[in-house]
Amino acid sequence: MEFRRLFPIVLADGTQRLFFTLENIPPYGNRNVSITVELGQRERYGLISEEKLDQYLVEERFIESKDPRITEIAEQRRGHSKAETIENLYTWVSEYLQEEGYVARDQGALHALESKAGDCTESAYLFSALSRANNIPARVMAGYVSSGNTVLRSRDYHNWAEVYIDNAWWVVDPNKKNFREKQADYIAMNIISGVDNVNRESQRFYGTSDDIELSMN
């Protein structure tokens, strides 16, 4: 269907949002929307200003980087360089957390540390918290992992972490046992951490009316 009111927006962090308005939907009616995009993949993300990096160094909801239990582990795994530190943290989180399958509700880094279990989201939160506790910018991403042309399904939605070293963002995925490799396979749809991120709760889509039920393939 065509829209007269279509609003593509690029946010400050580079995330792109597509806003559109559905009008004149009758009671019990429905509307199907198809969106086609051209996706380019690259191995590394570009530079980011120090001012914008600051939000990925502070403690926030689900990333309890100042909690003594987090800082103790972070200090124990600190290396002689940032690169060595993040590799130590990646190895530790990969071995420490037991995969418990998909959990619908986010529980955060501290919960993962205490329970020794979590899904991809909790492993990304825990790694990010430990990185920030070592003064290394880290954020949690949401999207898909694909090595080529494929049909993306909602059940394939995935979370991973990224750290900023050597003037670039690098994928670190303890859940899938991937450390700074296969960068182009990670298709980011959203940044779900960052104190200035107003869209962190939206994940793949969101609506502004309580009278409409939304679903996405």
N, C-alpha and C. Protein backbone atom coordinates (compact mmCIF):
# COMPACT_ATOMS: atom_id res chain seq x y z
N MET A 1 0.84 -1.18 0.00
CA MET A 1 0.00 0.00 0.00
C MET A 1 0.88 1.24 0.00
N GLU A 2 0.37 2.34 -0.56
CA GLU A 2 1.11 3.58 -0.63
C GLU A 2 0.69 4.51 0.51
N PHE A 3 1.64 5.31 0.97
CA PHE A 3 1.38 6.22 2.08
C PHE A 3 1.62 7.65 1.64
N ARG A 4 0.69 8.50 2.02
CA ARG A 4 0.88 9.92 1.76
C ARG A 4 1.74 10.56 2.83
N ARG A 5 1.77 9.94 4.02
CA ARG A 5 2.54 10.50 5.14
C ARG A 5 3.59 9.48 5.55
N LEU A 6 4.76 9.61 4.96
CA LEU A 6 5.87 8.69 5.21
C LEU A 6 7.07 9.50 5.67
N PHE A 7 7.65 9.11 6.82
CA PHE A 7 8.69 9.92 7.42
C PHE A 7 9.94 9.09 7.70
N PRO A 8 10.92 9.09 6.80
CA PRO A 8 12.20 8.45 7.13
C PRO A 8 13.05 9.40 7.97
N ILE A 9 13.61 8.90 9.07
CA ILE A 9 14.40 9.72 9.98
C ILE A 9 15.68 8.99 10.32
N VAL A 10 16.80 9.71 10.31
CA VAL A 10 18.08 9.18 10.77
C VAL A 10 18.38 9.83 12.12
N LEU A 11 18.51 9.01 13.17
CA LEU A 11 18.76 9.52 14.51
C LEU A 11 20.23 9.85 14.71
N ALA A 12 20.53 10.48 15.84
CA ALA A 12 21.89 10.94 16.12
C ALA A 12 22.89 9.80 16.16
N ASP A 13 22.47 8.61 16.58
CA ASP A 13 23.40 7.48 16.67
C ASP A 13 23.53 6.72 15.36
N GLY A 14 22.87 7.21 14.29
CA GLY A 14 22.94 6.56 12.99
C GLY A 14 21.80 5.60 12.72
N THR A 15 21.00 5.29 13.74
CA THR A 15 19.85 4.41 13.55
C THR A 15 18.84 5.07 12.63
N GLN A 16 18.28 4.30 11.71
CA GLN A 16 17.27 4.82 10.79
C GLN A 16 15.89 4.32 11.21
N ARG A 17 14.93 5.23 11.24
CA ARG A 17 13.56 4.91 11.60
C ARG A 17 12.63 5.31 10.46
N LEU A 18 11.63 4.47 10.21
CA LEU A 18 10.63 4.76 9.19
C LEU A 18 9.28 4.89 9.88
N PHE A 19 8.71 6.10 9.87
CA PHE A 19 7.43 6.35 10.49
C PHE A 19 6.36 6.51 9.40
N PHE A 20 5.22 5.86 9.59
CA PHE A 20 4.12 6.07 8.66
C PHE A 20 2.79 6.03 9.41
N THR A 21 1.77 6.64 8.80
CA THR A 21 0.46 6.77 9.42
C THR A 21 -0.56 5.92 8.68
N LEU A 22 -1.29 5.09 9.43
CA LEU A 22 -2.39 4.31 8.87
C LEU A 22 -3.69 5.04 9.17
N GLU A 23 -4.45 5.34 8.13
CA GLU A 23 -5.67 6.12 8.30
C GLU A 23 -6.89 5.32 7.86
N ASN A 24 -8.03 5.67 8.45
CA ASN A 24 -9.34 5.14 8.04
C ASN A 24 -9.40 3.62 8.09
N ILE A 25 -8.95 3.04 9.18
CA ILE A 25 -9.07 1.59 9.36
C ILE A 25 -10.43 1.30 10.00
N PRO A 26 -11.30 0.54 9.34
CA PRO A 26 -12.63 0.26 9.90
C PRO A 26 -12.53 -0.70 11.09
N PRO A 27 -13.55 -0.77 11.92
CA PRO A 27 -13.56 -1.74 13.03
C PRO A 27 -13.31 -3.16 12.53
N TYR A 28 -12.40 -3.87 13.18
CA TYR A 28 -12.01 -5.24 12.82
C TYR A 28 -11.34 -5.33 11.45
N GLY A 29 -10.97 -4.20 10.90
CA GLY A 29 -10.26 -4.20 9.62
C GLY A 29 -8.78 -4.44 9.82
N ASN A 30 -8.05 -4.57 8.72
CA ASN A 30 -6.61 -4.78 8.82
C ASN A 30 -5.91 -4.12 7.65
N ARG A 31 -4.64 -3.87 7.84
CA ARG A 31 -3.80 -3.32 6.80
C ARG A 31 -2.49 -4.10 6.77
N ASN A 32 -2.04 -4.45 5.58
CA ASN A 32 -0.74 -5.12 5.41
C ASN A 32 0.24 -4.13 4.78
N VAL A 33 1.40 -4.05 5.36
CA VAL A 33 2.43 -3.13 4.88
C VAL A 33 3.66 -3.92 4.48
N SER A 34 4.14 -3.75 3.27
CA SER A 34 5.37 -4.39 2.81
C SER A 34 6.45 -3.33 2.63
N ILE A 35 7.63 -3.60 3.16
CA ILE A 35 8.74 -2.66 3.08
C ILE A 35 9.92 -3.35 2.41
N THR A 36 10.47 -2.73 1.39
CA THR A 36 11.63 -3.26 0.68
C THR A 36 12.81 -2.33 0.89
N VAL A 37 13.94 -2.89 1.30
CA VAL A 37 15.13 -2.08 1.53
C VAL A 37 16.32 -2.71 0.83
N GLU A 38 17.28 -1.88 0.48
CA GLU A 38 18.57 -2.36 -0.01
C GLU A 38 19.57 -2.26 1.13
N LEU A 39 20.19 -3.37 1.45
CA LEU A 39 21.06 -3.44 2.62
C LEU A 39 22.51 -3.61 2.19
N GLY A 40 23.37 -2.72 2.65
CA GLY A 40 24.79 -2.84 2.39
C GLY A 40 25.50 -3.30 3.65
N GLN A 41 26.45 -4.21 3.51
CA GLN A 41 27.18 -4.75 4.65
C GLN A 41 28.65 -4.33 4.58
N ARG A 42 29.24 -4.07 5.73
CA ARG A 42 30.64 -3.69 5.77
C ARG A 42 31.29 -4.29 7.02
N GLU A 43 32.61 -4.36 6.97
CA GLU A 43 33.35 -5.03 8.04
C GLU A 43 33.48 -4.21 9.31
N ARG A 44 33.52 -2.87 9.16
CA ARG A 44 33.76 -2.04 10.35
C ARG A 44 32.87 -0.80 10.33
N TYR A 45 32.43 -0.40 11.51
CA TYR A 45 31.72 0.86 11.66
C TYR A 45 32.72 2.00 11.75
N GLY A 46 32.28 3.20 11.42
CA GLY A 46 33.18 4.33 11.39
C GLY A 46 33.42 4.97 12.74
N LEU A 47 34.05 6.13 12.68
CA LEU A 47 34.42 6.87 13.88
C LEU A 47 33.18 7.43 14.58
N ILE A 48 33.34 7.67 15.88
CA ILE A 48 32.29 8.28 16.68
C ILE A 48 32.96 9.28 17.62
N SER A 49 32.32 10.41 17.87
CA SER A 49 32.92 11.44 18.70
C SER A 49 33.02 10.99 20.15
N GLU A 50 33.99 11.58 20.87
CA GLU A 50 34.16 11.24 22.28
C GLU A 50 32.91 11.60 23.09
N GLU A 51 32.25 12.67 22.71
CA GLU A 51 31.03 13.08 23.41
C GLU A 51 29.95 12.01 23.31
N LYS A 52 29.79 11.43 22.13
CA LYS A 52 28.79 10.38 21.95
C LYS A 52 29.23 9.07 22.59
N LEU A 53 30.54 8.87 22.70
CA LEU A 53 31.04 7.65 23.33
C LEU A 53 30.74 7.61 24.82
N ASP A 54 30.63 8.77 25.44
CA ASP A 54 30.45 8.83 26.89
C ASP A 54 29.24 8.04 27.36
N GLN A 55 28.16 8.02 26.57
CA GLN A 55 26.95 7.32 27.01
C GLN A 55 27.15 5.81 27.05
N TYR A 56 28.20 5.32 26.39
CA TYR A 56 28.48 3.88 26.40
C TYR A 56 29.54 3.50 27.43
N LEU A 57 29.81 4.44 28.34
CA LEU A 57 30.75 4.18 29.43
C LEU A 57 30.08 4.19 30.80
N VAL A 58 28.87 4.74 30.87
CA VAL A 58 28.21 4.92 32.17
C VAL A 58 27.29 3.74 32.49
N GLU A 59 26.95 3.64 33.75
CA GLU A 59 26.00 2.62 34.19
C GLU A 59 24.59 3.00 33.76
N GLU A 60 23.80 2.02 33.40
CA GLU A 60 22.41 2.26 33.04
C GLU A 60 21.59 1.01 33.34
N ARG A 61 20.31 1.10 33.10
CA ARG A 61 19.42 -0.03 33.34
C ARG A 61 19.91 -1.26 32.58
N PHE A 62 20.00 -2.38 33.28
CA PHE A 62 20.44 -3.68 32.76
C PHE A 62 21.96 -3.77 32.55
N ILE A 63 22.66 -2.66 32.64
CA ILE A 63 24.12 -2.68 32.51
C ILE A 63 24.70 -2.06 33.78
N GLU A 64 24.75 -2.88 34.82
CA GLU A 64 25.09 -2.39 36.16
C GLU A 64 26.61 -2.39 36.36
N SER A 65 27.26 -1.53 35.62
CA SER A 65 28.73 -1.56 35.56
C SER A 65 29.41 -1.04 36.82
N LYS A 66 28.67 -0.41 37.73
CA LYS A 66 29.27 0.10 38.96
C LYS A 66 28.99 -0.79 40.17
N ASP A 67 28.21 -1.83 39.97
CA ASP A 67 27.93 -2.74 41.09
C ASP A 67 29.22 -3.44 41.50
N PRO A 68 29.51 -3.53 42.80
CA PRO A 68 30.76 -4.15 43.26
C PRO A 68 30.98 -5.57 42.75
N ARG A 69 29.90 -6.32 42.55
CA ARG A 69 30.05 -7.68 42.04
C ARG A 69 30.53 -7.69 40.59
N ILE A 70 30.10 -6.67 39.84
CA ILE A 70 30.54 -6.53 38.45
C ILE A 70 31.98 -6.02 38.40
N THR A 71 32.27 -4.99 39.17
CA THR A 71 33.61 -4.39 39.13
C THR A 71 34.69 -5.36 39.61
N GLU A 72 34.33 -6.24 40.54
CA GLU A 72 35.32 -7.22 41.02
C GLU A 72 35.73 -8.17 39.90
N ILE A 73 34.75 -8.69 39.16
CA ILE A 73 35.05 -9.58 38.03
C ILE A 73 35.81 -8.82 36.95
N ALA A 74 35.40 -7.59 36.69
CA ALA A 74 36.05 -6.78 35.65
C ALA A 74 37.52 -6.55 35.97
N GLU A 75 37.82 -6.28 37.23
CA GLU A 75 39.21 -6.05 37.62
C GLU A 75 40.03 -7.32 37.52
N GLN A 76 39.44 -8.45 37.87
CA GLN A 76 40.16 -9.72 37.81
C GLN A 76 40.54 -10.09 36.39
N ARG A 77 39.72 -9.66 35.41
CA ARG A 77 39.97 -10.02 34.00
C ARG A 77 40.66 -8.92 33.22
N ARG A 78 41.11 -7.87 33.89
CA ARG A 78 41.75 -6.76 33.21
C ARG A 78 43.12 -7.17 32.68
N GLY A 79 43.37 -6.85 31.40
CA GLY A 79 44.65 -7.19 30.78
C GLY A 79 45.58 -6.00 30.70
N HIS A 80 46.65 -6.16 29.93
CA HIS A 80 47.65 -5.10 29.77
C HIS A 80 47.23 -4.08 28.72
N SER A 81 46.21 -4.39 27.95
CA SER A 81 45.71 -3.48 26.92
C SER A 81 44.20 -3.66 26.83
N LYS A 82 43.54 -2.73 26.14
CA LYS A 82 42.09 -2.86 25.96
C LYS A 82 41.75 -4.10 25.15
N ALA A 83 42.55 -4.38 24.12
CA ALA A 83 42.30 -5.56 23.29
C ALA A 83 42.40 -6.84 24.12
N GLU A 84 43.41 -6.91 24.97
CA GLU A 84 43.57 -8.09 25.82
C GLU A 84 42.43 -8.18 26.83
N THR A 85 42.02 -7.04 27.37
CA THR A 85 40.95 -7.03 28.35
C THR A 85 39.64 -7.55 27.77
N ILE A 86 39.25 -7.05 26.60
CA ILE A 86 37.97 -7.49 26.04
C ILE A 86 38.01 -8.96 25.64
N GLU A 87 39.18 -9.45 25.23
CA GLU A 87 39.28 -10.87 24.92
C GLU A 87 39.14 -11.70 26.20
N ASN A 88 39.74 -11.23 27.29
CA ASN A 88 39.59 -11.92 28.57
C ASN A 88 38.13 -11.94 29.01
N LEU A 89 37.45 -10.81 28.86
CA LEU A 89 36.05 -10.72 29.26
C LEU A 89 35.17 -11.60 28.39
N TYR A 90 35.43 -11.58 27.08
CA TYR A 90 34.67 -12.43 26.16
C TYR A 90 34.82 -13.90 26.54
N THR A 91 36.04 -14.34 26.76
CA THR A 91 36.28 -15.74 27.11
C THR A 91 35.57 -16.10 28.41
N TRP A 92 35.64 -15.21 29.39
CA TRP A 92 35.03 -15.50 30.68
C TRP A 92 33.51 -15.60 30.57
N VAL A 93 32.87 -14.64 29.90
CA VAL A 93 31.41 -14.66 29.75
C VAL A 93 30.97 -15.88 28.95
N SER A 94 31.70 -16.21 27.89
CA SER A 94 31.36 -17.37 27.05
C SER A 94 31.37 -18.66 27.86
N GLU A 95 32.32 -18.77 28.78
CA GLU A 95 32.44 -20.00 29.56
C GLU A 95 31.56 -19.98 30.82
N TYR A 96 31.28 -18.80 31.33
CA TYR A 96 30.57 -18.68 32.61
C TYR A 96 29.07 -18.88 32.47
N LEU A 97 28.47 -18.28 31.44
CA LEU A 97 27.02 -18.31 31.31
C LEU A 97 26.54 -19.60 30.65
N GLN A 98 25.53 -20.19 31.23
CA GLN A 98 24.88 -21.36 30.64
C GLN A 98 23.69 -20.88 29.82
N GLU A 99 23.61 -21.32 28.59
CA GLU A 99 22.51 -20.93 27.71
C GLU A 99 21.20 -21.49 28.25
N GLU A 100 20.20 -20.62 28.44
CA GLU A 100 18.91 -21.07 28.95
C GLU A 100 17.78 -20.87 27.94
N GLY A 101 18.13 -20.59 26.69
CA GLY A 101 17.10 -20.40 25.69
C GLY A 101 16.49 -19.01 25.78
N TYR A 102 15.57 -18.74 24.87
CA TYR A 102 14.98 -17.40 24.78
C TYR A 102 14.21 -17.05 26.04
N VAL A 103 14.46 -15.85 26.55
CA VAL A 103 13.73 -15.29 27.69
C VAL A 103 13.09 -13.99 27.23
N ALA A 104 11.78 -13.89 27.33
CA ALA A 104 11.06 -12.75 26.76
C ALA A 104 11.40 -11.43 27.46
N ARG A 105 11.64 -11.47 28.75
CA ARG A 105 11.85 -10.24 29.52
C ARG A 105 13.34 -10.03 29.78
N ASP A 106 13.82 -8.82 29.50
CA ASP A 106 15.21 -8.50 29.80
C ASP A 106 15.45 -8.55 31.30
N GLN A 107 16.59 -9.12 31.70
CA GLN A 107 16.89 -9.26 33.12
C GLN A 107 18.20 -8.58 33.53
N GLY A 108 19.10 -8.38 32.61
CA GLY A 108 20.27 -7.57 32.87
C GLY A 108 21.52 -8.31 33.26
N ALA A 109 22.60 -7.54 33.35
CA ALA A 109 23.93 -8.10 33.60
C ALA A 109 24.04 -8.71 34.98
N LEU A 110 23.55 -8.02 35.99
CA LEU A 110 23.69 -8.51 37.37
C LEU A 110 22.91 -9.80 37.57
N HIS A 111 21.73 -9.90 37.00
CA HIS A 111 20.95 -11.13 37.09
C HIS A 111 21.71 -12.28 36.42
N ALA A 112 22.30 -12.02 35.26
CA ALA A 112 23.07 -13.06 34.57
C ALA A 112 24.25 -13.50 35.41
N LEU A 113 24.92 -12.55 36.05
CA LEU A 113 26.07 -12.88 36.88
C LEU A 113 25.67 -13.76 38.06
N GLU A 114 24.56 -13.43 38.69
CA GLU A 114 24.14 -14.16 39.88
C GLU A 114 23.55 -15.53 39.54
N SER A 115 22.82 -15.62 38.43
CA SER A 115 22.17 -16.88 38.06
C SER A 115 23.06 -17.80 37.25
N LYS A 116 24.16 -17.25 36.70
CA LYS A 116 25.09 -17.99 35.85
C LYS A 116 24.41 -18.55 34.61
N ALA A 117 23.34 -17.91 34.18
CA ALA A 117 22.59 -18.37 33.01
C ALA A 117 21.95 -17.17 32.32
N GLY A 118 21.64 -17.35 31.04
CA GLY A 118 20.98 -16.29 30.30
C GLY A 118 20.93 -16.60 28.82
N ASP A 119 20.16 -15.80 28.10
CA ASP A 119 20.11 -15.95 26.65
C ASP A 119 21.08 -14.95 26.02
N CYS A 120 20.92 -14.71 24.72
CA CYS A 120 21.86 -13.83 24.03
C CYS A 120 21.83 -12.41 24.59
N THR A 121 20.65 -11.97 25.04
CA THR A 121 20.52 -10.62 25.58
C THR A 121 21.33 -10.45 26.85
N GLU A 122 21.19 -11.40 27.76
CA GLU A 122 21.89 -11.30 29.04
C GLU A 122 23.40 -11.43 28.86
N SER A 123 23.85 -12.26 27.93
CA SER A 123 25.30 -12.37 27.70
C SER A 123 25.85 -11.05 27.15
N ALA A 124 25.07 -10.37 26.31
CA ALA A 124 25.50 -9.07 25.79
C ALA A 124 25.50 -8.01 26.88
N TYR A 125 24.49 -8.04 27.75
CA TYR A 125 24.45 -7.10 28.87
C TYR A 125 25.63 -7.31 29.81
N LEU A 126 25.92 -8.56 30.15
CA LEU A 126 27.00 -8.85 31.09
C LEU A 126 28.35 -8.44 30.51
N PHE A 127 28.59 -8.79 29.26
CA PHE A 127 29.85 -8.39 28.63
C PHE A 127 29.98 -6.87 28.58
N SER A 128 28.91 -6.18 28.24
CA SER A 128 28.95 -4.72 28.15
C SER A 128 29.22 -4.09 29.51
N ALA A 129 28.59 -4.63 30.56
CA ALA A 129 28.81 -4.10 31.90
C ALA A 129 30.25 -4.27 32.33
N LEU A 130 30.82 -5.43 32.07
CA LEU A 130 32.22 -5.69 32.43
C LEU A 130 33.17 -4.80 31.64
N SER A 131 32.85 -4.56 30.37
CA SER A 131 33.69 -3.68 29.55
C SER A 131 33.64 -2.25 30.06
N ARG A 132 32.44 -1.76 30.35
CA ARG A 132 32.31 -0.39 30.86
C ARG A 132 33.01 -0.24 32.20
N ALA A 133 32.96 -1.28 33.02
CA ALA A 133 33.65 -1.24 34.31
C ALA A 133 35.16 -1.11 34.12
N ASN A 134 35.66 -1.49 32.95
CA ASN A 134 37.07 -1.33 32.60
C ASN A 134 37.30 -0.10 31.73
N ASN A 135 36.30 0.80 31.71
CA ASN A 135 36.40 2.05 30.95
C ASN A 135 36.57 1.82 29.45
N ILE A 136 35.91 0.80 28.94
CA ILE A 136 35.90 0.50 27.51
C ILE A 136 34.47 0.68 27.01
N PRO A 137 34.23 1.57 26.04
CA PRO A 137 32.87 1.79 25.54
C PRO A 137 32.28 0.50 24.98
N ALA A 138 31.05 0.20 25.39
CA ALA A 138 30.37 -1.01 24.93
C ALA A 138 28.88 -0.74 24.84
N ARG A 139 28.23 -1.41 23.90
CA ARG A 139 26.79 -1.25 23.73
C ARG A 139 26.18 -2.58 23.32
N VAL A 140 24.87 -2.68 23.50
CA VAL A 140 24.13 -3.89 23.15
C VAL A 140 23.35 -3.62 21.88
N MET A 141 23.48 -4.52 20.92
CA MET A 141 22.83 -4.37 19.62
C MET A 141 21.73 -5.41 19.44
N ALA A 142 20.83 -5.12 18.52
CA ALA A 142 19.76 -6.06 18.18
C ALA A 142 19.64 -6.15 16.67
N GLY A 143 19.40 -7.36 16.17
CA GLY A 143 19.26 -7.54 14.74
C GLY A 143 19.33 -8.99 14.35
N TYR A 144 20.02 -9.26 13.25
CA TYR A 144 20.09 -10.61 12.71
C TYR A 144 21.53 -10.96 12.35
N VAL A 145 21.79 -12.24 12.25
CA VAL A 145 23.09 -12.72 11.81
C VAL A 145 22.88 -13.55 10.55
N SER A 146 23.49 -13.12 9.45
CA SER A 146 23.31 -13.82 8.18
C SER A 146 24.57 -13.67 7.34
N SER A 147 24.99 -14.76 6.71
CA SER A 147 26.20 -14.73 5.89
C SER A 147 25.92 -14.48 4.42
N GLY A 148 24.64 -14.32 4.06
CA GLY A 148 24.30 -14.08 2.66
C GLY A 148 22.83 -13.81 2.51
N ASN A 149 22.30 -13.98 1.29
CA ASN A 149 20.89 -13.75 1.05
C ASN A 149 20.05 -14.76 1.83
N THR A 150 19.04 -14.27 2.52
CA THR A 150 18.19 -15.14 3.32
C THR A 150 16.88 -14.45 3.61
N VAL A 151 15.92 -15.20 4.11
CA VAL A 151 14.67 -14.64 4.59
C VAL A 151 14.79 -14.46 6.10
N LEU A 152 14.69 -13.23 6.56
CA LEU A 152 14.81 -12.96 7.98
C LEU A 152 13.49 -13.25 8.68
N ARG A 153 13.57 -14.03 9.74
CA ARG A 153 12.38 -14.40 10.50
C ARG A 153 12.46 -13.82 11.91
N SER A 154 11.30 -13.55 12.49
CA SER A 154 11.28 -12.93 13.81
C SER A 154 11.98 -13.79 14.85
N ARG A 155 11.90 -15.10 14.71
CA ARG A 155 12.52 -16.00 15.70
C ARG A 155 14.05 -15.97 15.62
N ASP A 156 14.59 -15.39 14.54
CA ASP A 156 16.05 -15.29 14.39
C ASP A 156 16.61 -14.01 15.00
N TYR A 157 15.74 -13.17 15.56
CA TYR A 157 16.20 -11.90 16.13
C TYR A 157 17.20 -12.17 17.24
N HIS A 158 18.27 -11.40 17.26
CA HIS A 158 19.42 -11.74 18.11
C HIS A 158 20.00 -10.48 18.74
N ASN A 159 20.63 -10.66 19.89
CA ASN A 159 21.34 -9.57 20.56
C ASN A 159 22.81 -9.92 20.71
N TRP A 160 23.66 -8.93 20.56
CA TRP A 160 25.10 -9.11 20.74
C TRP A 160 25.68 -7.80 21.27
N ALA A 161 26.95 -7.82 21.60
CA ALA A 161 27.62 -6.61 22.10
C ALA A 161 28.58 -6.07 21.05
N GLU A 162 28.87 -4.79 21.17
CA GLU A 162 29.93 -4.17 20.39
C GLU A 162 30.79 -3.33 21.32
N VAL A 163 32.09 -3.35 21.09
CA VAL A 163 33.03 -2.53 21.87
C VAL A 163 33.76 -1.59 20.92
N TYR A 164 34.13 -0.43 21.44
CA TYR A 164 34.81 0.57 20.62
C TYR A 164 36.28 0.63 20.99
N ILE A 165 37.12 0.05 20.14
CA ILE A 165 38.57 0.15 20.28
C ILE A 165 39.17 0.33 18.89
N ASP A 166 40.36 0.88 18.83
CA ASP A 166 41.04 1.11 17.55
C ASP A 166 40.18 1.94 16.60
N ASN A 167 39.44 2.90 17.17
CA ASN A 167 38.62 3.83 16.39
C ASN A 167 37.54 3.15 15.56
N ALA A 168 36.98 2.07 16.08
CA ALA A 168 35.91 1.38 15.37
C ALA A 168 35.12 0.52 16.36
N TRP A 169 33.87 0.22 15.99
CA TRP A 169 33.05 -0.71 16.75
C TRP A 169 33.35 -2.13 16.28
N TRP A 170 33.50 -3.04 17.23
CA TRP A 170 33.79 -4.44 16.92
C TRP A 170 32.73 -5.34 17.56
N VAL A 171 32.27 -6.31 16.79
CA VAL A 171 31.30 -7.28 17.29
C VAL A 171 31.96 -8.24 18.27
N VAL A 172 31.33 -8.39 19.43
CA VAL A 172 31.73 -9.40 20.40
C VAL A 172 30.45 -10.12 20.82
N ASP A 173 30.36 -11.40 20.50
CA ASP A 173 29.12 -12.15 20.71
C ASP A 173 29.40 -13.42 21.51
N PRO A 174 29.40 -13.33 22.85
CA PRO A 174 29.66 -14.52 23.67
C PRO A 174 28.66 -15.64 23.44
N ASN A 175 27.42 -15.28 23.11
CA ASN A 175 26.38 -16.29 22.92
C ASN A 175 26.67 -17.18 21.72
N LYS A 176 27.14 -16.59 20.63
CA LYS A 176 27.45 -17.35 19.42
C LYS A 176 28.94 -17.65 19.28
N LYS A 177 29.68 -17.38 20.35
CA LYS A 177 31.12 -17.68 20.37
C LYS A 177 31.86 -17.00 19.21
N ASN A 178 31.59 -15.73 19.04
CA ASN A 178 32.24 -14.96 17.97
C ASN A 178 32.94 -13.75 18.56
N PHE A 179 34.26 -13.70 18.40
CA PHE A 179 35.05 -12.59 18.92
C PHE A 179 35.69 -11.82 17.79
N ARG A 180 35.12 -10.67 17.47
CA ARG A 180 35.66 -9.74 16.49
C ARG A 180 35.85 -10.37 15.11
N GLU A 181 34.99 -11.29 14.74
CA GLU A 181 35.04 -11.91 13.42
C GLU A 181 33.67 -11.80 12.76
N LYS A 182 33.64 -12.06 11.45
CA LYS A 182 32.39 -12.10 10.69
C LYS A 182 31.56 -10.83 10.92
N GLN A 183 32.23 -9.70 10.94
CA GLN A 183 31.55 -8.43 11.21
C GLN A 183 30.38 -8.18 10.26
N ALA A 184 30.58 -8.47 8.98
CA ALA A 184 29.57 -8.15 7.97
C ALA A 184 28.35 -9.05 8.06
N ASP A 185 28.44 -10.14 8.82
CA ASP A 185 27.28 -11.03 8.97
C ASP A 185 26.25 -10.47 9.94
N TYR A 186 26.64 -9.48 10.71
CA TYR A 186 25.75 -8.94 11.75
C TYR A 186 24.97 -7.75 11.20
N ILE A 187 23.67 -7.94 11.08
CA ILE A 187 22.78 -6.92 10.52
C ILE A 187 22.08 -6.22 11.67
N ALA A 188 22.57 -5.06 12.03
CA ALA A 188 22.04 -4.33 13.18
C ALA A 188 20.74 -3.61 12.83
N MET A 189 19.72 -3.84 13.65
CA MET A 189 18.44 -3.18 13.47
C MET A 189 18.20 -2.09 14.52
N ASN A 190 18.88 -2.22 15.65
CA ASN A 190 18.63 -1.27 16.73
C ASN A 190 19.77 -1.30 17.74
N ILE A 191 20.00 -0.17 18.38
CA ILE A 191 20.90 -0.10 19.53
C ILE A 191 20.01 -0.09 20.76
N ILE A 192 20.14 -1.10 21.63
CA ILE A 192 19.22 -1.18 22.76
C ILE A 192 19.89 -0.79 24.07
N SER A 193 21.04 -0.13 23.97
CA SER A 193 21.65 0.46 25.16
C SER A 193 22.12 1.85 24.81
N GLY A 194 22.44 2.62 25.85
CA GLY A 194 22.79 4.02 25.65
C GLY A 194 21.78 4.89 26.36
N VAL A 195 22.24 5.69 27.31
CA VAL A 195 21.32 6.47 28.14
C VAL A 195 20.54 7.50 27.33
N ASP A 196 21.05 7.89 26.16
CA ASP A 196 20.37 8.88 25.33
C ASP A 196 19.49 8.25 24.25
N ASN A 197 19.37 6.95 24.27
CA ASN A 197 18.65 6.25 23.21
C ASN A 197 17.17 6.15 23.56
N VAL A 198 16.34 6.94 22.88
CA VAL A 198 14.91 6.96 23.18
C VAL A 198 14.17 5.80 22.51
N ASN A 199 14.84 5.05 21.64
CA ASN A 199 14.19 3.97 20.90
C ASN A 199 14.63 2.59 21.38
N ARG A 200 15.30 2.50 22.52
CA ARG A 200 15.88 1.24 22.96
C ARG A 200 14.82 0.17 23.23
N GLU A 201 13.58 0.58 23.59
CA GLU A 201 12.55 -0.39 23.93
C GLU A 201 11.76 -0.86 22.71
N SER A 202 11.97 -0.25 21.56
CA SER A 202 11.10 -0.54 20.41
C SER A 202 11.45 -1.85 19.73
N GLN A 203 12.73 -2.29 19.81
CA GLN A 203 13.18 -3.48 19.10
C GLN A 203 12.86 -3.35 17.62
N ARG A 204 12.03 -4.24 17.04
CA ARG A 204 11.86 -4.20 15.58
C ARG A 204 10.84 -3.16 15.13
N PHE A 205 9.80 -2.92 15.93
CA PHE A 205 8.75 -1.97 15.54
C PHE A 205 7.98 -1.53 16.77
N TYR A 206 7.24 -0.46 16.63
CA TYR A 206 6.34 -0.05 17.71
C TYR A 206 5.23 0.82 17.14
N GLY A 207 4.14 0.94 17.88
CA GLY A 207 3.02 1.77 17.47
C GLY A 207 2.67 2.76 18.55
N THR A 208 1.87 3.77 18.18
CA THR A 208 1.53 4.83 19.13
C THR A 208 0.06 4.80 19.53
N SER A 209 -0.68 3.78 19.12
CA SER A 209 -2.10 3.69 19.46
C SER A 209 -2.38 2.39 20.19
N ASP A 210 -3.12 2.48 21.29
CA ASP A 210 -3.52 1.28 22.03
C ASP A 210 -4.70 0.57 21.39
N ASP A 211 -5.30 1.19 20.38
CA ASP A 211 -6.48 0.62 19.73
C ASP A 211 -6.13 -0.29 18.56
N ILE A 212 -4.85 -0.40 18.23
CA ILE A 212 -4.43 -1.19 17.08
C ILE A 212 -3.48 -2.28 17.53
N GLU A 213 -3.73 -3.49 17.06
CA GLU A 213 -2.83 -4.61 17.34
C GLU A 213 -1.84 -4.75 16.19
N LEU A 214 -0.55 -4.77 16.51
CA LEU A 214 0.49 -4.82 15.50
C LEU A 214 1.22 -6.15 15.54
N SER A 215 1.62 -6.64 14.39
CA SER A 215 2.46 -7.84 14.30
C SER A 215 3.38 -7.68 13.11
N MET A 216 4.51 -8.41 13.15
CA MET A 216 5.50 -8.30 12.08
C MET A 216 6.07 -9.67 11.80
N ASN A 217 6.17 -10.03 10.52
CA ASN A 217 6.73 -11.32 10.14
C ASN A 217 8.24 -11.33 10.37
